[in-house]
């Protein structure tokens, strides 16, 4: 089922660079061009900016398994 979500812009004019869905579909990781990562809970619609070393310099994000979200930044690589 495809559901339309309400518009949001937590990073102002910056648009998403990548969007990754958790394997169980419960969360969406949204990486913005300004290098920040936000997580949206699908059920509640809550949007959070997790504390991750490298926020503001992130270049990639991907889910590995149900609970592991790996990120990479442009300074030190994968985390």
PDB file of N, CA and C in Angstrom:
ATOM      1  N   UNK A   1       0.847  -1.180   0.000  1.00  0.00           N
ATOM      2  CA  UNK A   1       0.000   0.000   0.000  1.00  0.00           C
ATOM      3  C   UNK A   1       0.889   1.240   0.000  1.00  0.00           C
ATOM      4  N   UNK A   2       0.607   2.174  -0.844  1.00  0.00           N
ATOM      5  CA  UNK A   2       1.346   3.435  -0.895  1.00  0.00           C
ATOM      6  C   UNK A   2       0.540   4.493  -0.171  1.00  0.00           C
ATOM      7  N   UNK A   3       1.211   5.181   0.748  1.00  0.00           N
ATOM      8  CA  UNK A   3       0.560   6.216   1.532  1.00  0.00           C
ATOM      9  C   UNK A   3       1.303   7.525   1.330  1.00  0.00           C
ATOM     10  N   UNK A   4       0.571   8.586   1.101  1.00  0.00           N
ATOM     11  CA  UNK A   4       1.170   9.903   0.947  1.00  0.00           C
ATOM     12  C   UNK A   4       1.415  10.499   2.321  1.00  0.00           C
ATOM     13  N   UNK A   5       2.639  10.940   2.568  1.00  0.00           N
ATOM     14  CA  UNK A   5       2.986  11.579   3.834  1.00  0.00           C
ATOM     15  C   UNK A   5       2.894  13.087   3.683  1.00  0.00           C
ATOM     16  N   UNK A   6       2.602  13.746   4.782  1.00  0.00           N
ATOM     17  CA  UNK A   6       2.556  15.204   4.743  1.00  0.00           C
ATOM     18  C   UNK A   6       3.952  15.763   4.479  1.00  0.00           C
ATOM     19  N   UNK A   7       4.002  16.928   3.888  1.00  0.00           N
ATOM     20  CA  UNK A   7       5.286  17.561   3.573  1.00  0.00           C
ATOM     21  C   UNK A   7       5.995  18.003   4.849  1.00  0.00           C
ATOM     22  N   UNK A   8       7.309  17.945   4.824  1.00  0.00           N
ATOM     23  CA  UNK A   8       8.112  18.413   5.935  1.00  0.00           C
ATOM     24  C   UNK A   8       9.450  18.863   5.388  1.00  0.00           C
ATOM     25  N   UNK A   9      10.077  19.813   6.035  1.00  0.00           N
ATOM     26  CA  UNK A   9      11.407  20.262   5.638  1.00  0.00           C
ATOM     27  C   UNK A   9      12.225  20.610   6.853  1.00  0.00           C
ATOM     28  N   UNK A  10      12.712  19.585   7.558  1.00  0.00           N
ATOM     29  CA  UNK A  10      13.487  19.848   8.771  1.00  0.00           C
ATOM     30  C   UNK A  10      14.809  20.548   8.506  1.00  0.00           C
ATOM     31  N   UNK A  11      15.296  20.494   7.279  1.00  0.00           N
ATOM     32  CA  UNK A  11      16.564  21.137   6.951  1.00  0.00           C
ATOM     33  C   UNK A  11      16.359  22.328   6.015  1.00  0.00           C
ATOM     34  N   UNK A  12      15.197  22.979   6.138  1.00  0.00           N
ATOM     35  CA  UNK A  12      14.932  24.169   5.335  1.00  0.00           C
ATOM     36  C   UNK A  12      14.894  23.863   3.848  1.00  0.00           C
ATOM     37  N   UNK A  13      15.748  24.512   3.085  1.00  0.00           N
ATOM     38  CA  UNK A  13      15.760  24.359   1.631  1.00  0.00           C
ATOM     39  C   UNK A  13      16.470  23.093   1.158  1.00  0.00           C
ATOM     40  N   UNK A  14      17.204  22.422   2.028  1.00  0.00           N
ATOM     41  CA  UNK A  14      17.930  21.221   1.634  1.00  0.00           C
ATOM     42  C   UNK A  14      16.948  20.088   1.346  1.00  0.00           C
ATOM     43  N   UNK A  15      17.192  19.397   0.259  1.00  0.00           N
ATOM     44  CA  UNK A  15      16.333  18.279  -0.126  1.00  0.00           C
ATOM     45  C   UNK A  15      17.016  16.949   0.212  1.00  0.00           C
ATOM     46  N   UNK A  16      16.236  15.879   0.330  1.00  0.00           N
ATOM     47  CA  UNK A  16      16.847  14.580   0.624  1.00  0.00           C
ATOM     48  C   UNK A  16      17.805  14.113  -0.473  1.00  0.00           C
ATOM     49  N   UNK A  17      18.905  13.521  -0.044  1.00  0.00           N
ATOM     50  CA  UNK A  17      19.879  12.920  -0.950  1.00  0.00           C
ATOM     51  C   UNK A  17      19.562  11.434  -1.134  1.00  0.00           C
ATOM     52  N   UNK A  18      19.150  10.800  -0.027  1.00  0.00           N
ATOM     53  CA  UNK A  18      18.838   9.372  -0.058  1.00  0.00           C
ATOM     54  C   UNK A  18      17.789   9.049   0.990  1.00  0.00           C
ATOM     55  N   UNK A  19      16.983   8.049   0.704  1.00  0.00           N
ATOM     56  CA  UNK A  19      15.962   7.579   1.627  1.00  0.00           C
ATOM     57  C   UNK A  19      16.097   6.065   1.723  1.00  0.00           C
ATOM     58  N   UNK A  20      16.195   5.557   2.950  1.00  0.00           N
ATOM     59  CA  UNK A  20      16.325   4.115   3.173  1.00  0.00           C
ATOM     60  C   UNK A  20      15.260   3.664   4.159  1.00  0.00           C
ATOM     61  N   UNK A  21      14.581   2.578   3.845  1.00  0.00           N
ATOM     62  CA  UNK A  21      13.524   2.055   4.710  1.00  0.00           C
ATOM     63  C   UNK A  21      14.056   0.869   5.500  1.00  0.00           C
ATOM     64  N   UNK A  22      13.776   0.876   6.801  1.00  0.00           N
ATOM     65  CA  UNK A  22      14.154  -0.248   7.661  1.00  0.00           C
ATOM     66  C   UNK A  22      13.487  -1.514   7.119  1.00  0.00           C
ATOM     67  N   UNK A  23      14.160  -2.670   7.178  1.00  0.00           N
ATOM     68  CA  UNK A  23      13.614  -3.891   6.585  1.00  0.00           C
ATOM     69  C   UNK A  23      12.186  -4.247   7.014  1.00  0.00           C
ATOM     70  N   UNK A  24      11.796  -3.919   8.235  1.00  0.00           N
ATOM     71  CA  UNK A  24      10.423  -4.229   8.656  1.00  0.00           C
ATOM     72  C   UNK A  24       9.437  -3.117   8.298  1.00  0.00           C
ATOM     73  N   UNK A  25       9.922  -2.055   7.657  1.00  0.00           N
ATOM     74  CA  UNK A  25       9.063  -0.971   7.210  1.00  0.00           C
ATOM     75  C   UNK A  25       8.642   0.001   8.292  1.00  0.00           C
ATOM     76  N   UNK A  26       9.191  -0.109   9.490  1.00  0.00           N
ATOM     77  CA  UNK A  26       8.737   0.721  10.611  1.00  0.00           C
ATOM     78  C   UNK A  26       9.382   2.105  10.672  1.00  0.00           C
ATOM     79  N   UNK A  27      10.538   2.276  10.026  1.00  0.00           N
ATOM     80  CA  UNK A  27      11.241   3.559  10.068  1.00  0.00           C
ATOM     81  C   UNK A  27      11.826   3.882   8.701  1.00  0.00           C
ATOM     82  N   UNK A  28      11.969   5.177   8.466  1.00  0.00           N
ATOM     83  CA  UNK A  28      12.580   5.657   7.234  1.00  0.00           C
ATOM     84  C   UNK A  28      13.753   6.553   7.617  1.00  0.00           C
ATOM     85  N   UNK A  29      14.924   6.255   7.088  1.00  0.00           N
ATOM     86  CA  UNK A  29      16.109   7.090   7.301  1.00  0.00           C
ATOM     87  C   UNK A  29      16.220   8.037   6.107  1.00  0.00           C
ATOM     88  N   UNK A  30      16.306   9.339   6.391  1.00  0.00           N
ATOM     89  CA  UNK A  30      16.343  10.349   5.334  1.00  0.00           C
ATOM     90  C   UNK A  30      17.642  11.133   5.467  1.00  0.00           C
ATOM     91  N   UNK A  31      18.495  11.017   4.469  1.00  0.00           N
ATOM     92  CA  UNK A  31      19.780  11.713   4.456  1.00  0.00           C
ATOM     93  C   UNK A  31      19.644  12.938   3.554  1.00  0.00           C
ATOM     94  N   UNK A  32      19.941  14.104   4.106  1.00  0.00           N
ATOM     95  CA  UNK A  32      19.810  15.355   3.362  1.00  0.00           C
ATOM     96  C   UNK A  32      21.136  15.779   2.746  1.00  0.00           C
ATOM     97  N   UNK A  33      21.060  16.612   1.706  1.00  0.00           N
ATOM     98  CA  UNK A  33      22.264  17.101   1.019  1.00  0.00           C
ATOM     99  C   UNK A  33      23.188  17.893   1.935  1.00  0.00           C
ATOM    100  N   UNK A  34      22.684  18.432   3.024  1.00  0.00           N
ATOM    101  CA  UNK A  34      23.538  19.169   3.956  1.00  0.00           C
ATOM    102  C   UNK A  34      24.289  18.228   4.902  1.00  0.00           C
ATOM    103  N   UNK A  35      24.132  16.913   4.704  1.00  0.00           N
ATOM    104  CA  UNK A  35      24.891  15.943   5.487  1.00  0.00           C
ATOM    105  C   UNK A  35      24.258  15.530   6.802  1.00  0.00           C
ATOM    106  N   UNK A  36      22.963  15.776   6.962  1.00  0.00           N
ATOM    107  CA  UNK A  36      22.282  15.386   8.192  1.00  0.00           C
ATOM    108  C   UNK A  36      21.335  14.219   7.932  1.00  0.00           C
ATOM    109  N   UNK A  37      21.126  13.426   8.969  1.00  0.00           N
ATOM    110  CA  UNK A  37      20.250  12.266   8.895  1.00  0.00           C
ATOM    111  C   UNK A  37      19.089  12.453   9.854  1.00  0.00           C
ATOM    112  N   UNK A  38      17.894  12.196   9.369  1.00  0.00           N
ATOM    113  CA  UNK A  38      16.675  12.232  10.171  1.00  0.00           C
ATOM    114  C   UNK A  38      16.009  10.868  10.059  1.00  0.00           C
ATOM    115  N   UNK A  39      15.293  10.469  11.108  1.00  0.00           N
ATOM    116  CA  UNK A  39      14.558   9.202  11.123  1.00  0.00           C
ATOM    117  C   UNK A  39      13.075   9.514  11.301  1.00  0.00           C
ATOM    118  N   UNK A  40      12.260   8.930  10.446  1.00  0.00           N
ATOM    119  CA  UNK A  40      10.808   9.095  10.575  1.00  0.00           C
ATOM    120  C   UNK A  40      10.196   7.763  10.963  1.00  0.00           C
ATOM    121  N   UNK A  41       9.447   7.758  12.075  1.00  0.00           N
ATOM    122  CA  UNK A  41       8.707   6.582  12.509  1.00  0.00           C
ATOM    123  C   UNK A  41       7.432   6.527  11.669  1.00  0.00           C
ATOM    124  N   UNK A  42       7.233   5.426  10.957  1.00  0.00           N
ATOM    125  CA  UNK A  42       6.116   5.331  10.036  1.00  0.00           C
ATOM    126  C   UNK A  42       4.775   5.346  10.760  1.00  0.00           C
ATOM    127  N   UNK A  43       4.665   4.630  11.861  1.00  0.00           N
ATOM    128  CA  UNK A  43       3.392   4.536  12.569  1.00  0.00           C
ATOM    129  C   UNK A  43       2.973   5.862  13.210  1.00  0.00           C
ATOM    130  N   UNK A  44       3.885   6.491  13.927  1.00  0.00           N
ATOM    131  CA  UNK A  44       3.533   7.718  14.646  1.00  0.00           C
ATOM    132  C   UNK A  44       3.724   8.981  13.808  1.00  0.00           C
ATOM    133  N   UNK A  45       4.557   8.897  12.774  1.00  0.00           N
ATOM    134  CA  UNK A  45       4.881  10.065  11.974  1.00  0.00           C
ATOM    135  C   UNK A  45       5.939  10.952  12.607  1.00  0.00           C
ATOM    136  N   UNK A  46       6.437  10.538  13.794  1.00  0.00           N
ATOM    137  CA  UNK A  46       7.442  11.336  14.511  1.00  0.00           C
ATOM    138  C   UNK A  46       8.744  11.393  13.716  1.00  0.00           C
ATOM    139  N   UNK A  47       9.312  12.577  13.655  1.00  0.00           N
ATOM    140  CA  UNK A  47      10.563  12.812  12.952  1.00  0.00           C
ATOM    141  C   UNK A  47      11.616  13.214  13.967  1.00  0.00           C
ATOM    142  N   UNK A  48      12.745  12.494  13.991  1.00  0.00           N
ATOM    143  CA  UNK A  48      13.809  12.795  14.948  1.00  0.00           C
ATOM    144  C   UNK A  48      15.149  12.887  14.234  1.00  0.00           C
ATOM    145  N   UNK A  49      16.017  13.703  14.806  1.00  0.00           N
ATOM    146  CA  UNK A  49      17.394  13.819  14.316  1.00  0.00           C
ATOM    147  C   UNK A  49      18.270  13.143  15.364  1.00  0.00           C
ATOM    148  N   UNK A  50      18.688  11.907  15.106  1.00  0.00           N
ATOM    149  CA  UNK A  50      19.456  11.177  16.115  1.00  0.00           C
ATOM    150  C   UNK A  50      20.855  11.767  16.314  1.00  0.00           C
ATOM    151  N   UNK A  51      21.388  11.554  17.524  1.00  0.00           N
ATOM    152  CA  UNK A  51      22.768  11.963  17.757  1.00  0.00           C
ATOM    153  C   UNK A  51      23.659  10.918  17.089  1.00  0.00           C
ATOM    154  N   UNK A  52      24.380  11.344  16.095  1.00  0.00           N
ATOM    155  CA  UNK A  52      25.315  10.482  15.377  1.00  0.00           C
ATOM    156  C   UNK A  52      26.576  11.302  15.179  1.00  0.00           C
ATOM    157  N   UNK A  53      27.711  10.734  15.542  1.00  0.00           N
ATOM    158  CA  UNK A  53      28.965  11.430  15.259  1.00  0.00           C
ATOM    159  C   UNK A  53      29.043  11.665  13.759  1.00  0.00           C
ATOM    160  N   UNK A  54      29.349  12.865  13.368  1.00  0.00           N
ATOM    161  CA  UNK A  54      29.446  13.189  11.951  1.00  0.00           C
ATOM    162  C   UNK A  54      28.215  13.877  11.388  1.00  0.00           C
ATOM    163  N   UNK A  55      27.160  14.074  12.226  1.00  0.00           N
ATOM    164  CA  UNK A  55      25.982  14.790  11.726  1.00  0.00           C
ATOM    165  C   UNK A  55      26.455  16.100  11.109  1.00  0.00           C
ATOM    166  N   UNK A  56      25.962  16.386   9.926  1.00  0.00           N
ATOM    167  CA  UNK A  56      26.376  17.575   9.190  1.00  0.00           C
ATOM    168  C   UNK A  56      27.424  17.266   8.135  1.00  0.00           C
ATOM    169  N   UNK A  57      28.018  16.073   8.226  1.00  0.00           N
ATOM    170  CA  UNK A  57      29.022  15.639   7.250  1.00  0.00           C
ATOM    171  C   UNK A  57      28.720  14.252   6.690  1.00  0.00           C
ATOM    172  N   UNK A  58      27.517  13.743   6.908  1.00  0.00           N
ATOM    173  CA  UNK A  58      27.185  12.387   6.468  1.00  0.00           C
ATOM    174  C   UNK A  58      27.005  12.330   4.957  1.00  0.00           C
ATOM    175  N   UNK A  59      27.453  11.227   4.366  1.00  0.00           N
ATOM    176  CA  UNK A  59      27.370  11.062   2.918  1.00  0.00           C
ATOM    177  C   UNK A  59      26.560   9.840   2.505  1.00  0.00           C
ATOM    178  N   UNK A  60      26.335   8.886   3.423  1.00  0.00           N
ATOM    179  CA  UNK A  60      25.583   7.676   3.088  1.00  0.00           C
ATOM    180  C   UNK A  60      24.998   7.061   4.350  1.00  0.00           C
ATOM    181  N   UNK A  61      23.916   6.311   4.167  1.00  0.00           N
ATOM    182  CA  UNK A  61      23.285   5.584   5.267  1.00  0.00           C
ATOM    183  C   UNK A  61      22.594   4.363   4.697  1.00  0.00           C
ATOM    184  N   UNK A  62      22.618   3.257   5.444  1.00  0.00           N
ATOM    185  CA  UNK A  62      21.966   2.042   4.987  1.00  0.00           C
ATOM    186  C   UNK A  62      21.651   1.149   6.174  1.00  0.00           C
ATOM    187  N   UNK A  63      20.487   0.496   6.132  1.00  0.00           N
ATOM    188  CA  UNK A  63      20.108  -0.458   7.179  1.00  0.00           C
ATOM    189  C   UNK A  63      20.809  -1.786   6.922  1.00  0.00           C
ATOM    190  N   UNK A  64      21.300  -2.396   7.984  1.00  0.00           N
ATOM    191  CA  UNK A  64      21.857  -3.742   7.948  1.00  0.00           C
ATOM    192  C   UNK A  64      21.125  -4.530   9.007  1.00  0.00           C
ATOM    193  N   UNK A  65      20.237  -5.415   8.605  1.00  0.00           N
ATOM    194  CA  UNK A  65      19.412  -6.122   9.570  1.00  0.00           C
ATOM    195  C   UNK A  65      18.336  -5.190  10.094  1.00  0.00           C
ATOM    196  N   UNK A  66      17.657  -5.628  11.129  1.00  0.00           N
ATOM    197  CA  UNK A  66      16.520  -4.873  11.649  1.00  0.00           C
ATOM    198  C   UNK A  66      16.921  -3.663  12.488  1.00  0.00           C
ATOM    199  N   UNK A  67      18.035  -3.715  13.180  1.00  0.00           N
ATOM    200  CA  UNK A  67      18.353  -2.672  14.144  1.00  0.00           C
ATOM    201  C   UNK A  67      19.616  -1.881  13.856  1.00  0.00           C
ATOM    202  N   UNK A  68      20.359  -2.240  12.851  1.00  0.00           N
ATOM    203  CA  UNK A  68      21.636  -1.587  12.606  1.00  0.00           C
ATOM    204  C   UNK A  68      21.557  -0.643  11.414  1.00  0.00           C
ATOM    205  N   UNK A  69      21.810   0.618  11.681  1.00  0.00           N
ATOM    206  CA  UNK A  69      21.865   1.626  10.632  1.00  0.00           C
ATOM    207  C   UNK A  69      23.307   2.095  10.543  1.00  0.00           C
ATOM    208  N   UNK A  70      23.947   1.811   9.426  1.00  0.00           N
ATOM    209  CA  UNK A  70      25.333   2.233   9.218  1.00  0.00           C
ATOM    210  C   UNK A  70      25.337   3.564   8.478  1.00  0.00           C
ATOM    211  N   UNK A  71      26.247   4.441   8.869  1.00  0.00           N
ATOM    212  CA  UNK A  71      26.393   5.728   8.191  1.00  0.00           C
ATOM    213  C   UNK A  71      27.861   5.940   7.842  1.00  0.00           C
ATOM    214  N   UNK A  72      28.088   6.783   6.861  1.00  0.00           N
ATOM    215  CA  UNK A  72      29.449   7.163   6.487  1.00  0.00           C
ATOM    216  C   UNK A  72      29.496   8.675   6.387  1.00  0.00           C
ATOM    217  N   UNK A  73      30.654   9.232   6.733  1.00  0.00           N
ATOM    218  CA  UNK A  73      30.814  10.672   6.571  1.00  0.00           C
ATOM    219  C   UNK A  73      32.010  10.961   5.693  1.00  0.00           C
ATOM    220  N   UNK A  74      32.144  12.204   5.306  1.00  0.00           N
ATOM    221  CA  UNK A  74      33.198  12.566   4.357  1.00  0.00           C
ATOM    222  C   UNK A  74      34.552  12.806   5.016  1.00  0.00           C
ATOM    223  N   UNK A  75      34.640  12.513   6.332  1.00  0.00           N
ATOM    224  CA  UNK A  75      35.920  12.717   7.020  1.00  0.00           C
ATOM    225  C   UNK A  75      36.549  11.414   7.491  1.00  0.00           C
ATOM    226  N   UNK A  76      35.754  10.541   8.100  1.00  0.00           N
ATOM    227  CA  UNK A  76      36.348   9.354   8.716  1.00  0.00           C
ATOM    228  C   UNK A  76      35.832   8.033   8.170  1.00  0.00           C
ATOM    229  N   UNK A  77      34.861   8.038   7.286  1.00  0.00           N
ATOM    230  CA  UNK A  77      34.348   6.797   6.710  1.00  0.00           C
ATOM    231  C   UNK A  77      33.167   6.240   7.465  1.00  0.00           C
ATOM    232  N   UNK A  78      33.015   4.920   7.422  1.00  0.00           N
ATOM    233  CA  UNK A  78      31.829   4.247   7.978  1.00  0.00           C
ATOM    234  C   UNK A  78      31.840   4.236   9.494  1.00  0.00           C
ATOM    235  N   UNK A  79      30.623   4.193  10.084  1.00  0.00           N
ATOM    236  CA  UNK A  79      30.431   4.113  11.528  1.00  0.00           C
ATOM    237  C   UNK A  79      29.450   3.021  11.846  1.00  0.00           C
TER     238      UNK A  79
END
